[in-house]
Amino acid sequence: MENIDEIATDVFRLSTYNDRSGLAFNHFLVRDQEPLLYHTGQKAIFPEVLSLAKKLIDPAALRWIGFSHFEADECGALNAWLAAAPLATPLAGLVLAATCINDFADRPPRVLQDDEVFSTGRHQFRFLSTPHVPHGWGASLLFDETEHTLFCSDLLVQHGKTAPMSDSVVERATHDLEEGEKGPFHHAIPYTRDTHATFERLAALEPRALAIMHGASFAGDGAGALREFDRALARVVG
């Protein structure tokens, strides 16, 4: 199952569903003067995601490729995208670039500082260094200040088939977090001494949409949803 849905103006959710894992894998394309892709997807599904992107832009025009951390669904197909888009540049923070992307990527990344702002034309983005949120030393998130959309990766994961967008995701995400703690993929999101402060920083952005990697994207009071999930995370894994 593959779908394209616009979750904010010129922000598109390119979704593929994997029956074996019971997860949607969502990739977000921002159509602008300098198009940006957030999440490359795994190498195995690159043809499907590329086909979806072609319905919105010429992939050769892609300019920026972002992702949260070093994981197959985040950046596994990075080099395939770099081959398809000769002008594209990966985006990474200092730690992720130094520990992974400088070696992994076929072209060097643009290394962004925490809180650095850049523009793709109409959209202005803020880069947020968020170590271990959702996971990984070099983790980061991206905030579209123009559309008030937070690209939040593996936060608020919902299993199974969902609507493209919902105004209520925390209850389902909390349930799936609790269920996940019973299996081999437990402790996926650590709760460190800095986690609460990181969630508060994200909530202070007052996002109106949350672009979630697995499951429905969220529309509504993003700050409230983030704070509610922070409390659930502290209770379940803290």
C-alpha atoms as a PDB file:
ATOM      1  CA  MET A   1       0.000   0.000   0.000  1.00  0.00           C
ATOM      2  CA  GLU A   2       1.482   3.319  -1.112  1.00  0.00           C
ATOM      3  CA  ASN A   3      -0.054   6.750  -0.590  1.00  0.00           C
ATOM      4  CA  ILE A   4       0.703  10.445  -0.995  1.00  0.00           C
ATOM      5  CA  ASP A   5      -0.969  12.938   1.334  1.00  0.00           C
ATOM      6  CA  GLU A   6      -0.380  16.653   1.854  1.00  0.00           C
ATOM      7  CA  ILE A   7      -0.087  17.235   5.624  1.00  0.00           C
ATOM      8  CA  ALA A   8       0.745  20.956   5.352  1.00  0.00           C
ATOM      9  CA  THR A   9       1.106  23.325   2.421  1.00  0.00           C
ATOM     10  CA  ASP A  10       3.615  21.685   0.047  1.00  0.00           C
ATOM     11  CA  VAL A  11       4.622  19.134   2.717  1.00  0.00           C
ATOM     12  CA  PHE A  12       3.795  15.648   1.470  1.00  0.00           C
ATOM     13  CA  ARG A  13       3.739  12.324   3.305  1.00  0.00           C
ATOM     14  CA  LEU A  14       4.933   9.530   0.998  1.00  0.00           C
ATOM     15  CA  SER A  15       3.855   6.365   2.756  1.00  0.00           C
ATOM     16  CA  THR A  16       4.583   2.696   2.132  1.00  0.00           C
ATOM     17  CA  TYR A  17       3.229  -0.124   4.284  1.00  0.00           C
ATOM     18  CA  ASN A  18       5.093  -3.291   5.254  1.00  0.00           C
ATOM     19  CA  ASP A  19       2.763  -6.159   6.143  1.00  0.00           C
ATOM     20  CA  ARG A  20       5.499  -8.240   7.755  1.00  0.00           C
ATOM     21  CA  SER A  21       6.472  -5.587  10.294  1.00  0.00           C
ATOM     22  CA  GLY A  22       2.998  -4.089  10.569  1.00  0.00           C
ATOM     23  CA  LEU A  23       4.441  -0.615  10.094  1.00  0.00           C
ATOM     24  CA  ALA A  24       3.962   2.269   7.734  1.00  0.00           C
ATOM     25  CA  PHE A  25       7.212   3.851   6.581  1.00  0.00           C
ATOM     26  CA  ASN A  26       6.681   7.547   5.935  1.00  0.00           C
ATOM     27  CA  HIS A  27       8.957   9.842   3.941  1.00  0.00           C
ATOM     28  CA  PHE A  28       8.290  13.575   3.781  1.00  0.00           C
ATOM     29  CA  LEU A  29       8.861  15.663   0.676  1.00  0.00           C
ATOM     30  CA  VAL A  30       8.788  19.458   0.855  1.00  0.00           C
ATOM     31  CA  ARG A  31       8.058  20.901  -2.563  1.00  0.00           C
ATOM     32  CA  ASP A  32       9.843  24.241  -2.853  1.00  0.00           C
ATOM     33  CA  GLN A  33      12.456  26.084  -4.902  1.00  0.00           C
ATOM     34  CA  GLU A  34      15.012  23.734  -3.340  1.00  0.00           C
ATOM     35  CA  PRO A  35      13.034  20.549  -2.617  1.00  0.00           C
ATOM     36  CA  LEU A  36      13.821  18.699   0.599  1.00  0.00           C
ATOM     37  CA  LEU A  37      13.284  15.027   1.440  1.00  0.00           C
ATOM     38  CA  TYR A  38      13.139  13.902   5.077  1.00  0.00           C
ATOM     39  CA  HIS A  39      13.822  10.148   5.485  1.00  0.00           C
ATOM     40  CA  THR A  40      15.271   8.300   2.500  1.00  0.00           C
ATOM     41  CA  GLY A  41      13.713   4.942   3.328  1.00  0.00           C
ATOM     42  CA  GLN A  42      15.484   1.609   3.151  1.00  0.00           C
ATOM     43  CA  LYS A  43      17.396   0.574   0.045  1.00  0.00           C
ATOM     44  CA  ALA A  44      14.861  -2.188  -0.626  1.00  0.00           C
ATOM     45  CA  ILE A  45      11.969   0.258  -1.059  1.00  0.00           C
ATOM     46  CA  PHE A  46      13.867   2.986  -2.909  1.00  0.00           C
ATOM     47  CA  PRO A  47      12.090   2.270  -6.235  1.00  0.00           C
ATOM     48  CA  GLU A  48       8.666   2.637  -4.599  1.00  0.00           C
ATOM     49  CA  VAL A  49       9.532   5.866  -2.791  1.00  0.00           C
ATOM     50  CA  LEU A  50      11.194   7.295  -5.902  1.00  0.00           C
ATOM     51  CA  SER A  51       8.052   6.513  -7.894  1.00  0.00           C
ATOM     52  CA  LEU A  52       5.948   8.419  -5.357  1.00  0.00           C
ATOM     53  CA  ALA A  53       8.322  11.388  -5.407  1.00  0.00           C
ATOM     54  CA  LYS A  54       8.145  11.527  -9.213  1.00  0.00           C
ATOM     55  CA  LYS A  55       4.446  12.349  -8.935  1.00  0.00           C
ATOM     56  CA  LEU A  56       5.377  15.583  -7.138  1.00  0.00           C
ATOM     57  CA  ILE A  57       8.778  16.714  -8.443  1.00  0.00           C
ATOM     58  CA  ASP A  58      11.524  15.792 -10.853  1.00  0.00           C
ATOM     59  CA  PRO A  59      13.783  13.800  -8.490  1.00  0.00           C
ATOM     60  CA  ALA A  60      16.845  15.262 -10.224  1.00  0.00           C
ATOM     61  CA  ALA A  61      15.800  18.637  -8.777  1.00  0.00           C
ATOM     62  CA  LEU A  62      15.974  17.406  -5.180  1.00  0.00           C
ATOM     63  CA  ARG A  63      18.349  19.679  -3.253  1.00  0.00           C
ATOM     64  CA  TRP A  64      18.399  18.570   0.406  1.00  0.00           C
ATOM     65  CA  ILE A  65      18.112  15.195   2.141  1.00  0.00           C
ATOM     66  CA  GLY A  66      17.503  15.155   5.885  1.00  0.00           C
ATOM     67  CA  PHE A  67      17.036  12.436   8.490  1.00  0.00           C
ATOM     68  CA  SER A  68      17.141  12.091  12.255  1.00  0.00           C
ATOM     69  CA  HIS A  69      19.715   9.390  12.957  1.00  0.00           C
ATOM     70  CA  PHE A  70      21.691   6.543  11.398  1.00  0.00           C
ATOM     71  CA  GLU A  71      19.195   3.768  10.745  1.00  0.00           C
ATOM     72  CA  ALA A  72      18.133   1.956   7.579  1.00  0.00           C
ATOM     73  CA  ASP A  73      14.701   3.535   7.279  1.00  0.00           C
ATOM     74  CA  GLU A  74      16.121   6.988   8.011  1.00  0.00           C
ATOM     75  CA  CYS A  75      18.995   7.024   5.525  1.00  0.00           C
ATOM     76  CA  GLY A  76      19.585   3.536   4.093  1.00  0.00           C
ATOM     77  CA  ALA A  77      18.798   4.680   0.549  1.00  0.00           C
ATOM     78  CA  LEU A  78      20.805   7.906   0.878  1.00  0.00           C
ATOM     79  CA  ASN A  79      23.333   7.003  -1.794  1.00  0.00           C
ATOM     80  CA  ALA A  80      20.604   5.865  -4.181  1.00  0.00           C
ATOM     81  CA  TRP A  81      18.973   9.274  -3.790  1.00  0.00           C
ATOM     82  CA  LEU A  82      22.303  11.037  -4.277  1.00  0.00           C
ATOM     83  CA  ALA A  83      22.732   9.142  -7.539  1.00  0.00           C
ATOM     84  CA  ALA A  84      19.228  10.083  -8.699  1.00  0.00           C
ATOM     85  CA  ALA A  85      19.593  13.708  -7.610  1.00  0.00           C
ATOM     86  CA  PRO A  86      23.006  15.069  -8.625  1.00  0.00           C
ATOM     87  CA  LEU A  87      22.430  18.426  -6.884  1.00  0.00           C
ATOM     88  CA  ALA A  88      21.277  16.944  -3.574  1.00  0.00           C
ATOM     89  CA  THR A  89      23.267  17.317  -0.360  1.00  0.00           C
ATOM     90  CA  PRO A  90      22.712  15.362   2.870  1.00  0.00           C
ATOM     91  CA  LEU A  91      22.047  17.308   6.068  1.00  0.00           C
ATOM     92  CA  ALA A  92      23.592  16.207   9.357  1.00  0.00           C
ATOM     93  CA  GLY A  93      24.696  17.523  12.707  1.00  0.00           C
ATOM     94  CA  LEU A  94      28.335  17.499  13.746  1.00  0.00           C
ATOM     95  CA  VAL A  95      28.207  14.217  15.695  1.00  0.00           C
ATOM     96  CA  LEU A  96      26.272  12.247  13.078  1.00  0.00           C
ATOM     97  CA  ALA A  97      28.466  13.582  10.299  1.00  0.00           C
ATOM     98  CA  ALA A  98      31.672  12.705  12.149  1.00  0.00           C
ATOM     99  CA  THR A  99      30.577   9.249  13.297  1.00  0.00           C
ATOM    100  CA  CYS A 100      28.566   8.020  10.289  1.00  0.00           C
ATOM    101  CA  ILE A 101      27.664  10.206   7.347  1.00  0.00           C
ATOM    102  CA  ASN A 102      31.115  11.446   6.316  1.00  0.00           C
ATOM    103  CA  ASP A 103      32.081   7.809   5.730  1.00  0.00           C
ATOM    104  CA  PHE A 104      28.733   6.438   4.538  1.00  0.00           C
ATOM    105  CA  ALA A 105      27.558   9.071   2.065  1.00  0.00           C
ATOM    106  CA  ASP A 106      28.871   9.255  -1.489  1.00  0.00           C
ATOM    107  CA  ARG A 107      28.872  13.067  -1.183  1.00  0.00           C
ATOM    108  CA  PRO A 108      29.818  15.041   1.930  1.00  0.00           C
ATOM    109  CA  PRO A 109      26.979  16.409   4.050  1.00  0.00           C
ATOM    110  CA  ARG A 110      26.217  19.974   4.941  1.00  0.00           C
ATOM    111  CA  VAL A 111      26.992  20.021   8.652  1.00  0.00           C
ATOM    112  CA  LEU A 112      24.437  22.042  10.597  1.00  0.00           C
ATOM    113  CA  GLN A 113      24.844  23.545  14.039  1.00  0.00           C
ATOM    114  CA  ASP A 114      22.167  23.237  16.694  1.00  0.00           C
ATOM    115  CA  ASP A 115      19.467  25.885  16.119  1.00  0.00           C
ATOM    116  CA  GLU A 116      20.842  26.743  12.675  1.00  0.00           C
ATOM    117  CA  VAL A 117      18.211  28.110  10.294  1.00  0.00           C
ATOM    118  CA  PHE A 118      18.183  27.615   6.529  1.00  0.00           C
ATOM    119  CA  SER A 119      15.732  28.250   3.709  1.00  0.00           C
ATOM    120  CA  THR A 120      14.595  26.191   0.745  1.00  0.00           C
ATOM    121  CA  GLY A 121      12.696  29.101  -0.799  1.00  0.00           C
ATOM    122  CA  ARG A 122       9.304  29.634   0.819  1.00  0.00           C
ATOM    123  CA  HIS A 123      10.037  27.288   3.709  1.00  0.00           C
ATOM    124  CA  GLN A 124      12.386  28.162   6.555  1.00  0.00           C
ATOM    125  CA  PHE A 125      13.770  25.306   8.638  1.00  0.00           C
ATOM    126  CA  ARG A 126      15.399  25.108  12.051  1.00  0.00           C
ATOM    127  CA  PHE A 127      17.826  22.254  12.789  1.00  0.00           C
ATOM    128  CA  LEU A 128      17.517  20.803  16.290  1.00  0.00           C
ATOM    129  CA  SER A 129      20.208  18.675  17.880  1.00  0.00           C
ATOM    130  CA  THR A 130      18.385  16.137  20.083  1.00  0.00           C
ATOM    131  CA  PRO A 131      20.846  13.474  21.347  1.00  0.00           C
ATOM    132  CA  HIS A 132      19.044  10.184  22.124  1.00  0.00           C
ATOM    133  CA  VAL A 133      15.653  11.645  21.117  1.00  0.00           C
ATOM    134  CA  PRO A 134      14.341   9.522  19.612  1.00  0.00           C
ATOM    135  CA  HIS A 135      17.564   7.522  19.758  1.00  0.00           C
ATOM    136  CA  GLY A 136      21.227   7.768  18.856  1.00  0.00           C
ATOM    137  CA  TRP A 137      24.076   9.979  19.991  1.00  0.00           C
ATOM    138  CA  GLY A 138      23.859  12.064  16.830  1.00  0.00           C
ATOM    139  CA  ALA A 139      20.064  12.334  16.670  1.00  0.00           C
ATOM    140  CA  SER A 140      18.391  15.499  15.436  1.00  0.00           C
ATOM    141  CA  LEU A 141      14.966  16.723  14.372  1.00  0.00           C
ATOM    142  CA  LEU A 142      13.864  19.380  11.897  1.00  0.00           C
ATOM    143  CA  PHE A 143      11.241  22.101  12.309  1.00  0.00           C
ATOM    144  CA  ASP A 144       9.555  23.833   9.385  1.00  0.00           C
ATOM    145  CA  GLU A 145       9.012  27.306  10.824  1.00  0.00           C
ATOM    146  CA  THR A 146       6.907  28.363   7.845  1.00  0.00           C
ATOM    147  CA  GLU A 147       4.307  25.618   8.202  1.00  0.00           C
ATOM    148  CA  HIS A 148       4.874  24.963  11.934  1.00  0.00           C
ATOM    149  CA  THR A 149       5.580  21.304  11.176  1.00  0.00           C
ATOM    150  CA  LEU A 150       7.964  19.238  13.296  1.00  0.00           C
ATOM    151  CA  PHE A 151       9.611  16.290  11.572  1.00  0.00           C
ATOM    152  CA  CYS A 152       9.828  14.060  14.629  1.00  0.00           C
ATOM    153  CA  SER A 153      11.079  10.731  13.275  1.00  0.00           C
ATOM    154  CA  ASP A 154      10.411   7.799  15.642  1.00  0.00           C
ATOM    155  CA  LEU A 155       8.515   9.748  18.278  1.00  0.00           C
ATOM    156  CA  LEU A 156       4.832   8.772  18.572  1.00  0.00           C
ATOM    157  CA  VAL A 157       5.166   5.555  16.556  1.00  0.00           C
ATOM    158  CA  GLN A 158       1.851   3.853  15.804  1.00  0.00           C
ATOM    159  CA  HIS A 159       1.751   0.305  14.484  1.00  0.00           C
ATOM    160  CA  GLY A 160      -0.698  -1.007  11.927  1.00  0.00           C
ATOM    161  CA  LYS A 161      -2.633   0.772   9.217  1.00  0.00           C
ATOM    162  CA  THR A 162      -3.708   4.294  10.134  1.00  0.00           C
ATOM    163  CA  ALA A 163      -5.266   7.328   8.546  1.00  0.00           C
ATOM    164  CA  PRO A 164      -2.701   9.642   6.919  1.00  0.00           C
ATOM    165  CA  MET A 165      -3.382  12.292   9.550  1.00  0.00           C
ATOM    166  CA  SER A 166      -5.100  12.372  12.914  1.00  0.00           C
ATOM    167  CA  ASP A 167      -5.824  14.813  15.731  1.00  0.00           C
ATOM    168  CA  SER A 168      -5.395  12.006  18.267  1.00  0.00           C
ATOM    169  CA  VAL A 169      -2.269   9.830  18.169  1.00  0.00           C
ATOM    170  CA  VAL A 170      -0.882   9.835  21.715  1.00  0.00           C
ATOM    171  CA  GLU A 171      -3.130   7.124  23.150  1.00  0.00           C
ATOM    172  CA  ARG A 172      -2.319   4.694  20.349  1.00  0.00           C
ATOM    173  CA  ALA A 173       1.392   5.597  20.413  1.00  0.00           C
ATOM    174  CA  THR A 174       1.495   5.037  24.175  1.00  0.00           C
ATOM    175  CA  HIS A 175      -0.211   1.660  23.840  1.00  0.00           C
ATOM    176  CA  ASP A 176       2.259   0.611  21.148  1.00  0.00           C
ATOM    177  CA  LEU A 177       5.158   1.838  23.288  1.00  0.00           C
ATOM    178  CA  GLU A 178       3.930  -0.309  26.184  1.00  0.00           C
ATOM    179  CA  GLU A 179       3.528  -3.329  23.923  1.00  0.00           C
ATOM    180  CA  GLY A 180       6.972  -2.765  22.462  1.00  0.00           C
ATOM    181  CA  GLU A 181       8.535  -2.948  25.906  1.00  0.00           C
ATOM    182  CA  LYS A 182       7.432  -6.595  26.084  1.00  0.00           C
ATOM    183  CA  GLY A 183       9.427  -7.677  23.023  1.00  0.00           C
ATOM    184  CA  PRO A 184      12.963  -7.746  21.632  1.00  0.00           C
ATOM    185  CA  PHE A 185      12.803  -4.108  20.511  1.00  0.00           C
ATOM    186  CA  HIS A 186      12.251  -2.750  24.025  1.00  0.00           C
ATOM    187  CA  HIS A 187      14.002   0.438  25.197  1.00  0.00           C
ATOM    188  CA  ALA A 188      13.840   1.855  21.673  1.00  0.00           C
ATOM    189  CA  ILE A 189      13.663   5.381  23.103  1.00  0.00           C
ATOM    190  CA  PRO A 190      15.802   5.879  26.215  1.00  0.00           C
ATOM    191  CA  TYR A 191      14.701   8.259  28.949  1.00  0.00           C
ATOM    192  CA  THR A 192      17.810  10.140  30.022  1.00  0.00           C
ATOM    193  CA  ARG A 193      18.385  13.094  32.323  1.00  0.00           C
ATOM    194  CA  ASP A 194      18.000  15.366  29.262  1.00  0.00           C
ATOM    195  CA  THR A 195      14.892  13.819  27.693  1.00  0.00           C
ATOM    196  CA  HIS A 196      12.309  15.965  29.479  1.00  0.00           C
ATOM    197  CA  ALA A 197      14.176  19.170  28.627  1.00  0.00           C
ATOM    198  CA  THR A 198      14.359  18.088  24.994  1.00  0.00           C
ATOM    199  CA  PHE A 199      10.605  17.491  24.849  1.00  0.00           C
ATOM    200  CA  GLU A 200       9.994  20.883  26.462  1.00  0.00           C
ATOM    201  CA  ARG A 201      12.195  22.505  23.850  1.00  0.00           C
ATOM    202  CA  LEU A 202      10.210  20.810  21.085  1.00  0.00           C
ATOM    203  CA  ALA A 203       6.891  21.757  22.679  1.00  0.00           C
ATOM    204  CA  ALA A 204       7.996  25.396  22.953  1.00  0.00           C
ATOM    205  CA  LEU A 205       8.075  25.515  19.150  1.00  0.00           C
ATOM    206  CA  GLU A 206       4.269  25.104  19.260  1.00  0.00           C
ATOM    207  CA  PRO A 207       4.048  22.874  16.180  1.00  0.00           C
ATOM    208  CA  ARG A 208       0.677  22.558  14.483  1.00  0.00           C
ATOM    209  CA  ALA A 209       1.642  19.341  12.701  1.00  0.00           C
ATOM    210  CA  LEU A 210       3.891  16.430  13.644  1.00  0.00           C
ATOM    211  CA  ALA A 211       5.381  14.502  10.710  1.00  0.00           C
ATOM    212  CA  ILE A 212       5.768  11.021  12.211  1.00  0.00           C
ATOM    213  CA  MET A 213       7.881   8.272  10.639  1.00  0.00           C
ATOM    214  CA  HIS A 214       5.554   5.363  11.472  1.00  0.00           C
ATOM    215  CA  GLY A 215       1.792   5.859  11.635  1.00  0.00           C
ATOM    216  CA  ALA A 216      -0.462   8.858  11.178  1.00  0.00           C
ATOM    217  CA  SER A 217       0.886  12.376  11.168  1.00  0.00           C
ATOM    218  CA  PHE A 218      -0.640  14.615  13.824  1.00  0.00           C
ATOM    219  CA  ALA A 219      -2.635  17.804  13.300  1.00  0.00           C
ATOM    220  CA  GLY A 220      -3.526  20.070  16.196  1.00  0.00           C
ATOM    221  CA  ASP A 221      -1.875  21.080  19.456  1.00  0.00           C
ATOM    222  CA  GLY A 222       1.564  19.631  18.849  1.00  0.00           C
ATOM    223  CA  ALA A 223       2.940  21.020  22.100  1.00  0.00           C
ATOM    224  CA  GLY A 224       0.240  19.258  24.084  1.00  0.00           C
ATOM    225  CA  ALA A 225       0.784  15.982  22.243  1.00  0.00           C
ATOM    226  CA  LEU A 226       4.545  16.114  22.815  1.00  0.00           C
ATOM    227  CA  ARG A 227       4.165  16.857  26.523  1.00  0.00           C
ATOM    228  CA  GLU A 228       1.627  14.066  26.940  1.00  0.00           C
ATOM    229  CA  PHE A 229       3.921  11.591  25.196  1.00  0.00           C
ATOM    230  CA  ASP A 230       6.865  12.773  27.306  1.00  0.00           C
ATOM    231  CA  ARG A 231       4.890  11.895  30.441  1.00  0.00           C
ATOM    232  CA  ALA A 232       3.998   8.492  28.998  1.00  0.00           C
ATOM    233  CA  LEU A 233       7.597   7.810  28.032  1.00  0.00           C
ATOM    234  CA  ALA A 234       8.821   8.726  31.512  1.00  0.00           C
ATOM    235  CA  ARG A 235       6.257   6.373  33.048  1.00  0.00           C
ATOM    236  CA  VAL A 236       6.914   3.448  30.709  1.00  0.00           C
ATOM    237  CA  VAL A 237      10.699   3.515  30.303  1.00  0.00           C
ATOM    238  CA  GLY A 238      11.970   6.213  32.662  1.00  0.00           C
END
